[in-house]
Amino acid sequence: MFKNRGMNPYKEPTGNRIATVLFYMSQPVTGGATVYTELGMGTFPIKHDALFWYNLYRSGEGDMRTRHAACPVLQGVKWVSNKWIHERGQEFRRPCGLTPDVHEQFVGDLSPK
């Protein structure tokens, strides 16, 4: 996910990246999965779906499990858009935790039934 440019990907001028939203704008015929190698899981793109994950623990430490990669599209095309939510301006919406091992609780599938 990150090239070695001698900088920490979690340290940006707008603050650390708290969370990421990845929007699937198209759906390839074959391939194009987003995979999380640390977690051993992945998801195939479905047009109009979105993925959300926290990049940081509440303690402010980077959650390396969120490192991800895009598998090659074998047939068709894949368009994505992402929104990075940075810590600057989020102090009251998502305050830091007091312990480094505090994890977010899984909410589940939020799609309409």
Protein backbone atom coordinates (compact mmCIF):
# COMPACT_ATOMS: atom_id res chain seq x y z
CA MET A 1 0.00 0.00 0.00
CA PHE A 2 2.80 2.44 0.81
CA LYS A 3 6.04 2.96 -1.05
CA ASN A 4 9.13 3.53 1.04
CA ARG A 5 9.68 7.26 0.71
CA GLY A 6 11.38 7.67 4.06
CA MET A 7 8.18 8.88 5.69
CA ASN A 8 5.55 7.40 7.95
CA PRO A 9 2.26 6.89 6.06
CA TYR A 10 0.34 7.59 9.27
CA LYS A 11 1.93 11.04 9.67
CA GLU A 12 0.58 13.62 7.24
CA PRO A 13 0.27 17.43 7.45
CA THR A 14 -3.46 17.11 8.15
CA GLY A 15 -2.78 14.65 10.94
CA ASN A 16 -2.91 10.91 11.03
CA ARG A 17 -5.45 9.15 8.85
CA ILE A 18 -8.11 7.97 11.29
CA ALA A 19 -10.28 6.14 8.78
CA THR A 20 -10.72 5.32 5.11
CA VAL A 21 -13.84 4.96 2.99
CA LEU A 22 -13.32 3.17 -0.33
CA PHE A 23 -16.15 3.58 -2.85
CA TYR A 24 -16.56 1.14 -5.74
CA MET A 25 -17.62 3.17 -8.78
CA SER A 26 -17.68 0.21 -11.18
CA GLN A 27 -17.65 -3.56 -11.07
CA PRO A 28 -15.19 -5.62 -13.08
CA VAL A 29 -16.32 -8.88 -14.63
CA THR A 30 -13.45 -10.83 -13.05
CA GLY A 31 -10.80 -9.97 -10.48
CA GLY A 32 -10.08 -6.65 -8.78
CA ALA A 33 -10.52 -7.76 -5.17
CA THR A 34 -9.34 -5.58 -2.30
CA VAL A 35 -7.34 -7.80 0.06
CA TYR A 36 -6.10 -7.37 3.61
CA THR A 37 -3.12 -9.70 3.86
CA GLU A 38 -2.65 -9.30 7.63
CA LEU A 39 -6.26 -10.42 8.17
CA GLY A 40 -6.30 -13.04 5.43
CA MET A 41 -9.46 -11.66 3.89
CA GLY A 42 -10.68 -9.69 0.92
CA THR A 43 -13.74 -8.44 -0.89
CA PHE A 44 -14.69 -8.24 -4.54
CA PRO A 45 -15.96 -4.90 -5.82
CA ILE A 46 -19.69 -4.41 -6.30
CA LYS A 47 -20.74 -1.18 -7.98
CA HIS A 48 -22.17 1.40 -5.53
CA ASP A 49 -20.82 -0.44 -2.47
CA ALA A 50 -18.29 1.07 -0.08
CA LEU A 51 -15.80 -0.25 2.46
CA PHE A 52 -15.00 1.56 5.70
CA TRP A 53 -12.21 0.88 8.16
CA TYR A 54 -10.32 2.64 10.94
CA ASN A 55 -6.62 3.08 10.21
CA LEU A 56 -5.77 3.94 13.83
CA TYR A 57 -6.55 2.47 17.20
CA ARG A 58 -8.21 4.92 19.58
CA SER A 59 -4.80 5.31 21.24
CA GLY A 60 -3.54 6.91 18.01
CA GLU A 61 -1.26 4.03 17.04
CA GLY A 62 -1.45 2.77 13.46
CA ASP A 63 -3.36 -0.46 12.91
CA MET A 64 -1.13 -2.32 10.48
CA ARG A 65 -3.90 -4.84 9.84
CA THR A 66 -5.55 -2.23 7.60
CA ARG A 67 -2.77 -2.39 5.04
CA HIS A 68 -4.40 -3.54 1.87
CA ALA A 69 -3.76 -4.18 -1.80
CA ALA A 70 -5.75 -4.28 -5.02
CA CYS A 71 -5.66 -7.51 -6.99
CA PRO A 72 -5.43 -7.17 -10.76
CA VAL A 73 -8.60 -6.84 -12.81
CA LEU A 74 -8.70 -9.83 -15.16
CA GLN A 75 -11.70 -8.77 -17.22
CA GLY A 76 -13.51 -5.44 -17.34
CA VAL A 77 -12.54 -2.26 -15.49
CA LYS A 78 -12.47 -1.13 -11.89
CA TRP A 79 -12.94 2.47 -10.77
CA VAL A 80 -12.68 3.41 -7.11
CA SER A 81 -12.74 6.62 -5.13
CA ASN A 82 -11.55 7.04 -1.57
CA LYS A 83 -12.08 9.48 1.25
CA TRP A 84 -9.46 9.76 3.95
CA ILE A 85 -10.66 11.04 7.31
CA HIS A 86 -7.81 12.73 9.16
CA GLU A 87 -7.45 13.41 12.87
CA ARG A 88 -7.38 17.21 12.61
CA GLY A 89 -10.87 18.40 13.50
CA GLN A 90 -12.03 14.99 14.77
CA GLU A 91 -10.97 15.37 18.41
CA PHE A 92 -14.51 15.51 19.76
CA ARG A 93 -16.14 13.09 17.31
CA ARG A 94 -13.65 10.29 18.03
CA PRO A 95 -11.64 11.02 21.17
CA CYS A 96 -8.50 9.05 22.00
CA GLY A 97 -8.72 6.05 24.26
CA LEU A 98 -6.76 5.70 27.45
CA THR A 99 -5.49 2.21 26.69
CA PRO A 100 -3.58 1.18 23.57
CA ASP A 101 -5.56 -2.03 23.06
CA VAL A 102 -9.01 -0.47 22.66
CA HIS A 103 -10.57 -1.77 19.43
CA GLU A 104 -13.55 -0.54 17.48
CA GLN A 105 -16.63 -2.68 17.74
CA PHE A 106 -17.84 -4.28 14.50
CA VAL A 107 -21.17 -2.77 13.52
CA GLY A 108 -22.10 -5.27 10.82
CA ASP A 109 -23.71 -4.92 7.44
CA LEU A 110 -25.29 -1.48 7.20
CA SER A 111 -26.83 -2.03 3.76
CA PRO A 112 -30.61 -1.68 3.43
CA LYS A 113 -32.46 -4.99 3.72
